[in-house]
């Protein structure tokens, strides 16, 4: 499936949010040996990369991102170098909760 950019949520500046990748609807199960990377591109084009950690009990990969810049961020989870289904997604980062409410964003909060 071709990846698409979709608005997925909002968060606050300097907040840490956890992202996870898991198999859905009987797709292949992860072994924990895969290479899974979380990449976030900021509005000024700086890129943050985090190696995702495997949770054997829940059979999912997870990583935490900390937002250091306001604006729209493009977050991509890569499994062995290819975007996973549902990735990339867009997260709008605000300075504080009131700012997000004033602009009328009604997306779910990331995390």
PDB file of N, CA and C in Angstrom:
ATOM      1  N   UNK A   1       0.840  -1.181   0.000  1.00  0.00           N
ATOM      2  CA  UNK A   1       0.000   0.000   0.000  1.00  0.00           C
ATOM      3  C   UNK A   1       0.880   1.236   0.000  1.00  0.00           C
ATOM      4  N   UNK A   2       0.499   2.227  -0.792  1.00  0.00           N
ATOM      5  CA  UNK A   2       1.247   3.474  -0.901  1.00  0.00           C
ATOM      6  C   UNK A   2       1.007   4.318   0.349  1.00  0.00           C
ATOM      7  N   UNK A   3       2.080   4.844   0.987  1.00  0.00           N
ATOM      8  CA  UNK A   3       1.882   5.661   2.178  1.00  0.00           C
ATOM      9  C   UNK A   3       1.212   6.979   1.828  1.00  0.00           C
ATOM     10  N   UNK A   4       0.418   7.498   2.765  1.00  0.00           N
ATOM     11  CA  UNK A   4      -0.247   8.783   2.563  1.00  0.00           C
ATOM     12  C   UNK A   4      -0.030   9.648   3.788  1.00  0.00           C
ATOM     13  N   UNK A   5       0.002  10.957   3.576  1.00  0.00           N
ATOM     14  CA  UNK A   5       0.086  11.889   4.692  1.00  0.00           C
ATOM     15  C   UNK A   5      -1.326  12.157   5.189  1.00  0.00           C
ATOM     16  N   UNK A   6      -1.591  11.840   6.435  1.00  0.00           N
ATOM     17  CA  UNK A   6      -2.905  12.114   6.992  1.00  0.00           C
ATOM     18  C   UNK A   6      -2.723  12.781   8.347  1.00  0.00           C
ATOM     19  N   UNK A   7      -3.605  13.724   8.653  1.00  0.00           N
ATOM     20  CA  UNK A   7      -3.532  14.380   9.952  1.00  0.00           C
ATOM     21  C   UNK A   7      -3.970  13.389  10.999  1.00  0.00           C
ATOM     22  N   UNK A   8      -3.134  13.165  11.993  1.00  0.00           N
ATOM     23  CA  UNK A   8      -3.426  12.131  12.978  1.00  0.00           C
ATOM     24  C   UNK A   8      -3.588  12.656  14.385  1.00  0.00           C
ATOM     25  N   UNK A   9      -3.131  13.854  14.655  1.00  0.00           N
ATOM     26  CA  UNK A   9      -3.299  14.336  16.010  1.00  0.00           C
ATOM     27  C   UNK A   9      -2.536  15.598  16.293  1.00  0.00           C
ATOM     28  N   UNK A  10      -2.541  15.942  17.565  1.00  0.00           N
ATOM     29  CA  UNK A  10      -1.824  17.131  18.011  1.00  0.00           C
ATOM     30  C   UNK A  10      -1.112  16.807  19.304  1.00  0.00           C
ATOM     31  N   UNK A  11      -0.129  17.617  19.615  1.00  0.00           N
ATOM     32  CA  UNK A  11       0.630  17.425  20.833  1.00  0.00           C
ATOM     33  C   UNK A  11       1.119  18.784  21.298  1.00  0.00           C
ATOM     34  N   UNK A  12       1.821  18.779  22.422  1.00  0.00           N
ATOM     35  CA  UNK A  12       2.315  20.020  22.993  1.00  0.00           C
ATOM     36  C   UNK A  12       3.832  20.080  22.910  1.00  0.00           C
ATOM     37  N   UNK A  13       4.342  21.283  22.725  1.00  0.00           N
ATOM     38  CA  UNK A  13       5.772  21.527  22.675  1.00  0.00           C
ATOM     39  C   UNK A  13       6.429  20.990  23.947  1.00  0.00           C
ATOM     40  N   UNK A  14       7.542  20.307  23.812  1.00  0.00           N
ATOM     41  CA  UNK A  14       8.343  19.707  24.884  1.00  0.00           C
ATOM     42  C   UNK A  14       7.660  18.512  25.565  1.00  0.00           C
ATOM     43  N   UNK A  15       6.538  18.073  25.043  1.00  0.00           N
ATOM     44  CA  UNK A  15       5.869  16.880  25.578  1.00  0.00           C
ATOM     45  C   UNK A  15       6.490  15.642  24.936  1.00  0.00           C
ATOM     46  N   UNK A  16       6.558  14.537  25.667  1.00  0.00           N
ATOM     47  CA  UNK A  16       7.002  13.258  25.124  1.00  0.00           C
ATOM     48  C   UNK A  16       5.775  12.432  24.764  1.00  0.00           C
ATOM     49  N   UNK A  17       5.752  11.885  23.564  1.00  0.00           N
ATOM     50  CA  UNK A  17       4.669  11.021  23.117  1.00  0.00           C
ATOM     51  C   UNK A  17       5.250   9.683  22.689  1.00  0.00           C
ATOM     52  N   UNK A  18       4.534   8.609  22.989  1.00  0.00           N
ATOM     53  CA  UNK A  18       4.963   7.271  22.620  1.00  0.00           C
ATOM     54  C   UNK A  18       4.186   6.809  21.389  1.00  0.00           C
ATOM     55  N   UNK A  19       4.910   6.275  20.421  1.00  0.00           N
ATOM     56  CA  UNK A  19       4.324   5.735  19.200  1.00  0.00           C
ATOM     57  C   UNK A  19       4.593   4.241  19.174  1.00  0.00           C
ATOM     58  N   UNK A  20       3.656   3.462  18.619  1.00  0.00           N
ATOM     59  CA  UNK A  20       3.861   2.021  18.547  1.00  0.00           C
ATOM     60  C   UNK A  20       3.504   1.496  17.158  1.00  0.00           C
ATOM     61  N   UNK A  21       4.108   0.362  16.823  1.00  0.00           N
ATOM     62  CA  UNK A  21       3.846  -0.347  15.568  1.00  0.00           C
ATOM     63  C   UNK A  21       3.541  -1.780  15.942  1.00  0.00           C
ATOM     64  N   UNK A  22       2.419  -2.299  15.452  1.00  0.00           N
ATOM     65  CA  UNK A  22       2.056  -3.686  15.757  1.00  0.00           C
ATOM     66  C   UNK A  22       1.373  -4.308  14.549  1.00  0.00           C
ATOM     67  N   UNK A  23       1.350  -5.623  14.513  1.00  0.00           N
ATOM     68  CA  UNK A  23       0.643  -6.347  13.451  1.00  0.00           C
ATOM     69  C   UNK A  23      -0.855  -6.196  13.674  1.00  0.00           C
ATOM     70  N   UNK A  24      -1.587  -6.061  12.586  1.00  0.00           N
ATOM     71  CA  UNK A  24      -3.040  -5.921  12.671  1.00  0.00           C
ATOM     72  C   UNK A  24      -3.735  -7.041  11.909  1.00  0.00           C
ATOM     73  N   UNK A  25      -4.835  -7.517  12.420  1.00  0.00           N
ATOM     74  CA  UNK A  25      -5.740  -8.434  11.727  1.00  0.00           C
ATOM     75  C   UNK A  25      -5.040  -9.660  11.153  1.00  0.00           C
ATOM     76  N   UNK A  26      -4.229 -10.319  11.950  1.00  0.00           N
ATOM     77  CA  UNK A  26      -3.629 -11.570  11.528  1.00  0.00           C
ATOM     78  C   UNK A  26      -2.464 -11.436  10.565  1.00  0.00           C
ATOM     79  N   UNK A  27      -1.987 -10.202  10.336  1.00  0.00           N
ATOM     80  CA  UNK A  27      -0.804 -10.058   9.497  1.00  0.00           C
ATOM     81  C   UNK A  27       0.362 -10.709  10.210  1.00  0.00           C
ATOM     82  N   UNK A  28       1.491 -10.812   9.550  1.00  0.00           N
ATOM     83  CA  UNK A  28       2.644 -11.502  10.129  1.00  0.00           C
ATOM     84  C   UNK A  28       2.988 -10.933  11.504  1.00  0.00           C
ATOM     85  N   UNK A  29       3.426 -11.805  12.386  1.00  0.00           N
ATOM     86  CA  UNK A  29       3.839 -11.387  13.720  1.00  0.00           C
ATOM     87  C   UNK A  29       5.290 -10.954  13.696  1.00  0.00           C
ATOM     88  N   UNK A  30       5.634 -10.008  14.509  1.00  0.00           N
ATOM     89  CA  UNK A  30       7.018  -9.572  14.634  1.00  0.00           C
ATOM     90  C   UNK A  30       7.814 -10.588  15.447  1.00  0.00           C
ATOM     91  N   UNK A  31       9.071 -10.729  15.114  1.00  0.00           N
ATOM     92  CA  UNK A  31       9.954 -11.630  15.859  1.00  0.00           C
ATOM     93  C   UNK A  31      10.836 -10.861  16.830  1.00  0.00           C
ATOM     94  N   UNK A  32      10.945  -9.547  16.639  1.00  0.00           N
ATOM     95  CA  UNK A  32      11.851  -8.741  17.440  1.00  0.00           C
ATOM     96  C   UNK A  32      13.203  -8.575  16.765  1.00  0.00           C
ATOM     97  N   UNK A  33      13.383  -9.246  15.628  1.00  0.00           N
ATOM     98  CA  UNK A  33      14.643  -9.160  14.887  1.00  0.00           C
ATOM     99  C   UNK A  33      14.583  -8.126  13.763  1.00  0.00           C
ATOM    100  N   UNK A  34      13.416  -7.567  13.508  1.00  0.00           N
ATOM    101  CA  UNK A  34      13.256  -6.588  12.442  1.00  0.00           C
ATOM    102  C   UNK A  34      13.957  -5.275  12.824  1.00  0.00           C
ATOM    103  N   UNK A  35      14.273  -4.491  11.825  1.00  0.00           N
ATOM    104  CA  UNK A  35      14.815  -3.156  12.049  1.00  0.00           C
ATOM    105  C   UNK A  35      13.662  -2.168  11.905  1.00  0.00           C
ATOM    106  N   UNK A  36      13.269  -1.544  13.012  1.00  0.00           N
ATOM    107  CA  UNK A  36      12.143  -0.619  12.997  1.00  0.00           C
ATOM    108  C   UNK A  36      12.628   0.730  13.522  1.00  0.00           C
ATOM    109  N   UNK A  37      12.438   1.764  12.705  1.00  0.00           N
ATOM    110  CA  UNK A  37      12.919   3.113  13.009  1.00  0.00           C
ATOM    111  C   UNK A  37      11.731   4.071  12.993  1.00  0.00           C
ATOM    112  N   UNK A  38      11.729   5.027  13.914  1.00  0.00           N
ATOM    113  CA  UNK A  38      10.736   6.099  13.919  1.00  0.00           C
ATOM    114  C   UNK A  38      11.461   7.378  13.525  1.00  0.00           C
ATOM    115  N   UNK A  39      10.926   8.052  12.524  1.00  0.00           N
ATOM    116  CA  UNK A  39      11.568   9.262  12.001  1.00  0.00           C
ATOM    117  C   UNK A  39      10.558  10.403  12.024  1.00  0.00           C
ATOM    118  N   UNK A  40      10.966  11.558  12.524  1.00  0.00           N
ATOM    119  CA  UNK A  40      10.086  12.727  12.553  1.00  0.00           C
ATOM    120  C   UNK A  40      10.784  13.893  11.864  1.00  0.00           C
ATOM    121  N   UNK A  41      10.079  14.507  10.905  1.00  0.00           N
ATOM    122  CA  UNK A  41      10.613  15.667  10.198  1.00  0.00           C
ATOM    123  C   UNK A  41       9.847  16.899  10.667  1.00  0.00           C
ATOM    124  N   UNK A  42      10.575  17.902  11.132  1.00  0.00           N
ATOM    125  CA  UNK A  42       9.960  19.110  11.679  1.00  0.00           C
ATOM    126  C   UNK A  42       9.614  20.092  10.559  1.00  0.00           C
ATOM    127  N   UNK A  43       8.892  21.165  10.894  1.00  0.00           N
ATOM    128  CA  UNK A  43       8.565  22.178   9.889  1.00  0.00           C
ATOM    129  C   UNK A  43       9.805  22.837   9.264  1.00  0.00           C
ATOM    130  N   UNK A  44      10.920  22.857   9.974  1.00  0.00           N
ATOM    131  CA  UNK A  44      12.143  23.449   9.421  1.00  0.00           C
ATOM    132  C   UNK A  44      13.031  22.401   8.763  1.00  0.00           C
ATOM    133  N   UNK A  45      12.461  21.191   8.536  1.00  0.00           N
ATOM    134  CA  UNK A  45      13.140  20.098   7.835  1.00  0.00           C
ATOM    135  C   UNK A  45      14.209  19.384   8.657  1.00  0.00           C
ATOM    136  N   UNK A  46      14.328  19.679   9.952  1.00  0.00           N
ATOM    137  CA  UNK A  46      15.260  18.895  10.761  1.00  0.00           C
ATOM    138  C   UNK A  46      14.613  17.533  11.022  1.00  0.00           C
ATOM    139  N   UNK A  47      15.450  16.495  11.110  1.00  0.00           N
ATOM    140  CA  UNK A  47      14.946  15.133  11.243  1.00  0.00           C
ATOM    141  C   UNK A  47      15.441  14.518  12.550  1.00  0.00           C
ATOM    142  N   UNK A  48      14.510  13.939  13.300  1.00  0.00           N
ATOM    143  CA  UNK A  48      14.837  13.175  14.505  1.00  0.00           C
ATOM    144  C   UNK A  48      14.602  11.711  14.189  1.00  0.00           C
ATOM    145  N   UNK A  49      15.520  10.856  14.628  1.00  0.00           N
ATOM    146  CA  UNK A  49      15.397   9.422  14.376  1.00  0.00           C
ATOM    147  C   UNK A  49      15.523   8.686  15.704  1.00  0.00           C
ATOM    148  N   UNK A  50      14.644   7.710  15.915  1.00  0.00           N
ATOM    149  CA  UNK A  50      14.693   6.891  17.123  1.00  0.00           C
ATOM    150  C   UNK A  50      14.554   5.429  16.727  1.00  0.00           C
ATOM    151  N   UNK A  51      15.449   4.590  17.224  1.00  0.00           N
ATOM    152  CA  UNK A  51      15.306   3.147  17.026  1.00  0.00           C
ATOM    153  C   UNK A  51      14.187   2.674  17.940  1.00  0.00           C
ATOM    154  N   UNK A  52      13.239   1.959  17.377  1.00  0.00           N
ATOM    155  CA  UNK A  52      12.119   1.479  18.180  1.00  0.00           C
ATOM    156  C   UNK A  52      12.535   0.222  18.935  1.00  0.00           C
ATOM    157  N   UNK A  53      11.994   0.073  20.137  1.00  0.00           N
ATOM    158  CA  UNK A  53      12.296  -1.083  20.979  1.00  0.00           C
ATOM    159  C   UNK A  53      11.147  -2.081  20.877  1.00  0.00           C
ATOM    160  N   UNK A  54      11.484  -3.366  20.981  1.00  0.00           N
ATOM    161  CA  UNK A  54      10.477  -4.412  20.843  1.00  0.00           C
ATOM    162  C   UNK A  54       9.963  -4.848  22.205  1.00  0.00           C
ATOM    163  N   UNK A  55       8.648  -4.904  22.345  1.00  0.00           N
ATOM    164  CA  UNK A  55       7.984  -5.393  23.554  1.00  0.00           C
ATOM    165  C   UNK A  55       7.475  -6.804  23.254  1.00  0.00           C
ATOM    166  N   UNK A  56       8.180  -7.810  23.737  1.00  0.00           N
ATOM    167  CA  UNK A  56       7.870  -9.214  23.456  1.00  0.00           C
ATOM    168  C   UNK A  56       6.468  -9.583  23.930  1.00  0.00           C
ATOM    169  N   UNK A  57       6.080  -9.105  25.106  1.00  0.00           N
ATOM    170  CA  UNK A  57       4.774  -9.450  25.677  1.00  0.00           C
ATOM    171  C   UNK A  57       3.626  -8.987  24.784  1.00  0.00           C
ATOM    172  N   UNK A  58       3.702  -7.732  24.313  1.00  0.00           N
ATOM    173  CA  UNK A  58       2.634  -7.167  23.487  1.00  0.00           C
ATOM    174  C   UNK A  58       2.871  -7.342  21.991  1.00  0.00           C
ATOM    175  N   UNK A  59       4.036  -7.894  21.637  1.00  0.00           N
ATOM    176  CA  UNK A  59       4.405  -8.091  20.234  1.00  0.00           C
ATOM    177  C   UNK A  59       4.268  -6.814  19.423  1.00  0.00           C
ATOM    178  N   UNK A  60       4.865  -5.736  19.936  1.00  0.00           N
ATOM    179  CA  UNK A  60       4.838  -4.465  19.219  1.00  0.00           C
ATOM    180  C   UNK A  60       6.136  -3.705  19.452  1.00  0.00           C
ATOM    181  N   UNK A  61       6.395  -2.792  18.556  1.00  0.00           N
ATOM    182  CA  UNK A  61       7.559  -1.910  18.642  1.00  0.00           C
ATOM    183  C   UNK A  61       7.095  -0.566  19.173  1.00  0.00           C
ATOM    184  N   UNK A  62       7.925   0.100  19.965  1.00  0.00           N
ATOM    185  CA  UNK A  62       7.550   1.416  20.474  1.00  0.00           C
ATOM    186  C   UNK A  62       8.769   2.326  20.574  1.00  0.00           C
ATOM    187  N   UNK A  63       8.516   3.614  20.508  1.00  0.00           N
ATOM    188  CA  UNK A  63       9.557   4.633  20.675  1.00  0.00           C
ATOM    189  C   UNK A  63       8.885   5.906  21.155  1.00  0.00           C
ATOM    190  N   UNK A  64       9.661   6.736  21.784  1.00  0.00           N
ATOM    191  CA  UNK A  64       9.166   7.996  22.316  1.00  0.00           C
ATOM    192  C   UNK A  64       9.805   9.155  21.552  1.00  0.00           C
ATOM    193  N   UNK A  65       8.981  10.155  21.234  1.00  0.00           N
ATOM    194  CA  UNK A  65       9.472  11.377  20.605  1.00  0.00           C
ATOM    195  C   UNK A  65       9.202  12.551  21.530  1.00  0.00           C
ATOM    196  N   UNK A  66      10.111  13.495  21.540  1.00  0.00           N
ATOM    197  CA  UNK A  66       9.943  14.738  22.284  1.00  0.00           C
ATOM    198  C   UNK A  66       9.895  15.878  21.276  1.00  0.00           C
ATOM    199  N   UNK A  67       8.868  16.685  21.353  1.00  0.00           N
ATOM    200  CA  UNK A  67       8.658  17.761  20.388  1.00  0.00           C
ATOM    201  C   UNK A  67       9.443  19.004  20.795  1.00  0.00           C
ATOM    202  N   UNK A  68      10.333  19.455  19.925  1.00  0.00           N
ATOM    203  CA  UNK A  68      11.190  20.602  20.227  1.00  0.00           C
ATOM    204  C   UNK A  68      10.856  21.823  19.378  1.00  0.00           C
ATOM    205  N   UNK A  69       9.856  21.699  18.523  1.00  0.00           N
ATOM    206  CA  UNK A  69       9.519  22.780  17.601  1.00  0.00           C
ATOM    207  C   UNK A  69       8.016  22.789  17.354  1.00  0.00           C
ATOM    208  N   UNK A  70       7.437  23.977  17.272  1.00  0.00           N
ATOM    209  CA  UNK A  70       6.013  24.109  16.976  1.00  0.00           C
ATOM    210  C   UNK A  70       5.771  23.850  15.495  1.00  0.00           C
ATOM    211  N   UNK A  71       4.553  23.466  15.157  1.00  0.00           N
ATOM    212  CA  UNK A  71       4.159  23.309  13.766  1.00  0.00           C
ATOM    213  C   UNK A  71       3.841  21.870  13.398  1.00  0.00           C
ATOM    214  N   UNK A  72       3.689  21.640  12.104  1.00  0.00           N
ATOM    215  CA  UNK A  72       3.297  20.343  11.587  1.00  0.00           C
ATOM    216  C   UNK A  72       4.520  19.450  11.373  1.00  0.00           C
ATOM    217  N   UNK A  73       4.521  18.279  12.016  1.00  0.00           N
ATOM    218  CA  UNK A  73       5.614  17.313  11.920  1.00  0.00           C
ATOM    219  C   UNK A  73       5.137  16.081  11.151  1.00  0.00           C
ATOM    220  N   UNK A  74       5.998  15.542  10.323  1.00  0.00           N
ATOM    221  CA  UNK A  74       5.703  14.327   9.558  1.00  0.00           C
ATOM    222  C   UNK A  74       6.426  13.161  10.238  1.00  0.00           C
ATOM    223  N   UNK A  75       5.663  12.201  10.762  1.00  0.00           N
ATOM    224  CA  UNK A  75       6.217  11.075  11.509  1.00  0.00           C
ATOM    225  C   UNK A  75       6.068   9.804  10.668  1.00  0.00           C
ATOM    226  N   UNK A  76       7.200   9.117  10.457  1.00  0.00           N
ATOM    227  CA  UNK A  76       7.207   7.912   9.639  1.00  0.00           C
ATOM    228  C   UNK A  76       7.821   6.761  10.419  1.00  0.00           C
ATOM    229  N   UNK A  77       7.128   5.625  10.440  1.00  0.00           N
ATOM    230  CA  UNK A  77       7.686   4.399  11.013  1.00  0.00           C
ATOM    231  C   UNK A  77       8.166   3.546   9.843  1.00  0.00           C
ATOM    232  N   UNK A  78       9.421   3.121   9.910  1.00  0.00           N
ATOM    233  CA  UNK A  78      10.022   2.333   8.841  1.00  0.00           C
ATOM    234  C   UNK A  78      10.327   0.926   9.338  1.00  0.00           C
ATOM    235  N   UNK A  79       9.832  -0.073   8.643  1.00  0.00           N
ATOM    236  CA  UNK A  79      10.098  -1.474   8.946  1.00  0.00           C
ATOM    237  C   UNK A  79      11.046  -1.989   7.874  1.00  0.00           C
ATOM    238  N   UNK A  80      12.277  -2.296   8.281  1.00  0.00           N
ATOM    239  CA  UNK A  80      13.308  -2.734   7.339  1.00  0.00           C
ATOM    240  C   UNK A  80      13.425  -1.775   6.155  1.00  0.00           C
ATOM    241  N   UNK A  81      13.296  -0.458   6.441  1.00  0.00           N
ATOM    242  CA  UNK A  81      13.499   0.582   5.437  1.00  0.00           C
ATOM    243  C   UNK A  81      12.268   1.030   4.678  1.00  0.00           C
ATOM    244  N   UNK A  82      11.129   0.364   4.845  1.00  0.00           N
ATOM    245  CA  UNK A  82       9.905   0.725   4.130  1.00  0.00           C
ATOM    246  C   UNK A  82       8.857   1.251   5.109  1.00  0.00           C
ATOM    247  N   UNK A  83       8.104   2.294   4.714  1.00  0.00           N
ATOM    248  CA  UNK A  83       7.058   2.805   5.607  1.00  0.00           C
ATOM    249  C   UNK A  83       6.013   1.739   5.913  1.00  0.00           C
ATOM    250  N   UNK A  84       5.577   1.671   7.172  1.00  0.00           N
ATOM    251  CA  UNK A  84       4.532   0.726   7.556  1.00  0.00           C
ATOM    252  C   UNK A  84       3.176   1.296   7.145  1.00  0.00           C
ATOM    253  N   UNK A  85       2.169   0.437   7.053  1.00  0.00           N
ATOM    254  CA  UNK A  85       0.820   0.875   6.711  1.00  0.00           C
ATOM    255  C   UNK A  85       0.359   1.895   7.747  1.00  0.00           C
ATOM    256  N   UNK A  86      -0.210   2.990   7.284  1.00  0.00           N
ATOM    257  CA  UNK A  86      -0.650   4.060   8.181  1.00  0.00           C
ATOM    258  C   UNK A  86       0.421   5.100   8.425  1.00  0.00           C
ATOM    259  N   UNK A  87       1.544   4.957   7.778  1.00  0.00           N
ATOM    260  CA  UNK A  87       2.665   5.866   7.953  1.00  0.00           C
ATOM    261  C   UNK A  87       3.010   6.449   6.586  1.00  0.00           C
ATOM    262  N   UNK A  88       3.355   7.702   6.476  1.00  0.00           N
ATOM    263  CA  UNK A  88       3.565   8.653   7.566  1.00  0.00           C
ATOM    264  C   UNK A  88       2.252   9.244   8.069  1.00  0.00           C
ATOM    265  N   UNK A  89       2.348   9.881   9.210  1.00  0.00           N
ATOM    266  CA  UNK A  89       1.223  10.600   9.776  1.00  0.00           C
ATOM    267  C   UNK A  89       1.699  11.989  10.177  1.00  0.00           C
ATOM    268  N   UNK A  90       0.749  12.898  10.301  1.00  0.00           N
ATOM    269  CA  UNK A  90       1.079  14.284  10.624  1.00  0.00           C
ATOM    270  C   UNK A  90       0.636  14.602  12.047  1.00  0.00           C
ATOM    271  N   UNK A  91       1.513  15.260  12.797  1.00  0.00           N
ATOM    272  CA  UNK A  91       1.209  15.680  14.160  1.00  0.00           C
ATOM    273  C   UNK A  91       1.468  17.178  14.253  1.00  0.00           C
ATOM    274  N   UNK A  92       0.466  17.921  14.677  1.00  0.00           N
ATOM    275  CA  UNK A  92       0.612  19.373  14.851  1.00  0.00           C
ATOM    276  C   UNK A  92       1.015  19.635  16.300  1.00  0.00           C
ATOM    277  N   UNK A  93       2.131  20.326  16.473  1.00  0.00           N
ATOM    278  CA  UNK A  93       2.664  20.599  17.808  1.00  0.00           C
ATOM    279  C   UNK A  93       2.381  22.064  18.158  1.00  0.00           C
ATOM    280  N   UNK A  94       1.769  22.254  19.324  1.00  0.00           N
ATOM    281  CA  UNK A  94       1.397  23.580  19.821  1.00  0.00           C
ATOM    282  C   UNK A  94       2.251  23.959  21.019  1.00  0.00           C
ATOM    283  N   UNK A  95       2.286  25.254  21.298  1.00  0.00           N
ATOM    284  CA  UNK A  95       3.011  25.743  22.468  1.00  0.00           C
ATOM    285  C   UNK A  95       2.273  25.373  23.749  1.00  0.00           C
ATOM    286  N   UNK A  96       0.959  25.493  23.752  1.00  0.00           N
ATOM    287  CA  UNK A  96       0.157  25.134  24.925  1.00  0.00           C
ATOM    288  C   UNK A  96      -1.229  24.709  24.470  1.00  0.00           C
ATOM    289  N   UNK A  97      -2.011  24.134  25.377  1.00  0.00           N
ATOM    290  CA  UNK A  97      -3.324  23.593  25.022  1.00  0.00           C
ATOM    291  C   UNK A  97      -4.269  24.659  24.486  1.00  0.00           C
ATOM    292  N   UNK A  98      -4.222  25.872  25.039  1.00  0.00           N
ATOM    293  CA  UNK A  98      -5.123  26.931  24.598  1.00  0.00           C
ATOM    294  C   UNK A  98      -4.876  27.302  23.141  1.00  0.00           C
ATOM    295  N   UNK A  99      -3.626  27.307  22.715  1.00  0.00           N
ATOM    296  CA  UNK A  99      -3.301  27.650  21.332  1.00  0.00           C
ATOM    297  C   UNK A  99      -3.963  26.677  20.364  1.00  0.00           C
ATOM    298  N   UNK A 100      -3.909  25.377  20.676  1.00  0.00           N
ATOM    299  CA  UNK A 100      -4.526  24.366  19.821  1.00  0.00           C
ATOM    300  C   UNK A 100      -6.032  24.507  19.756  1.00  0.00           C
ATOM    301  N   UNK A 101      -6.653  24.853  20.877  1.00  0.00           N
ATOM    302  CA  UNK A 101      -8.102  25.018  20.909  1.00  0.00           C
ATOM    303  C   UNK A 101      -8.525  26.247  20.129  1.00  0.00           C
ATOM    304  N   UNK A 102      -7.743  27.342  20.189  1.00  0.00           N
ATOM    305  CA  UNK A 102      -8.074  28.567  19.468  1.00  0.00           C
ATOM    306  C   UNK A 102      -8.054  28.361  17.966  1.00  0.00           C
ATOM    307  N   UNK A 103      -7.130  27.520  17.471  1.00  0.00           N
ATOM    308  CA  UNK A 103      -7.036  27.294  16.039  1.00  0.00           C
ATOM    309  C   UNK A 103      -8.073  26.302  15.553  1.00  0.00           C
ATOM    310  N   UNK A 104      -8.807  25.664  16.470  1.00  0.00           N
ATOM    311  CA  UNK A 104      -9.907  24.794  16.103  1.00  0.00           C
ATOM    312  C   UNK A 104      -9.515  23.418  15.614  1.00  0.00           C
ATOM    313  N   UNK A 105      -8.308  22.961  15.906  1.00  0.00           N
ATOM    314  CA  UNK A 105      -7.930  21.601  15.517  1.00  0.00           C
ATOM    315  C   UNK A 105      -8.734  20.624  16.346  1.00  0.00           C
ATOM    316  N   UNK A 106      -9.365  19.653  15.693  1.00  0.00           N
ATOM    317  CA  UNK A 106     -10.173  18.703  16.437  1.00  0.00           C
ATOM    318  C   UNK A 106      -9.629  17.282  16.339  1.00  0.00           C
ATOM    319  N   UNK A 107      -8.385  17.126  15.934  1.00  0.00           N
ATOM    320  CA  UNK A 107      -7.767  15.809  15.850  1.00  0.00           C
ATOM    321  C   UNK A 107      -7.460  15.266  17.232  1.00  0.00           C
ATOM    322  N   UNK A 108      -7.342  13.963  17.320  1.00  0.00           N
ATOM    323  CA  UNK A 108      -6.998  13.326  18.593  1.00  0.00           C
ATOM    324  C   UNK A 108      -5.566  13.643  18.969  1.00  0.00           C
ATOM    325  N   UNK A 109      -5.294  13.686  20.240  1.00  0.00           N
ATOM    326  CA  UNK A 109      -3.922  13.934  20.700  1.00  0.00           C
ATOM    327  C   UNK A 109      -3.060  12.725  20.463  1.00  0.00           C
ATOM    328  N   UNK A 110      -1.830  12.967  20.065  1.00  0.00           N
ATOM    329  CA  UNK A 110      -0.878  11.862  19.876  1.00  0.00           C
ATOM    330  C   UNK A 110      -0.480  11.326  21.240  1.00  0.00           C
ATOM    331  N   UNK A 111      -0.041  10.069  21.248  1.00  0.00           N
ATOM    332  CA  UNK A 111       0.509   9.537  22.493  1.00  0.00           C
ATOM    333  C   UNK A 111      -0.220   8.426  23.085  1.00  0.00           C
TER     334      UNK A 111
END
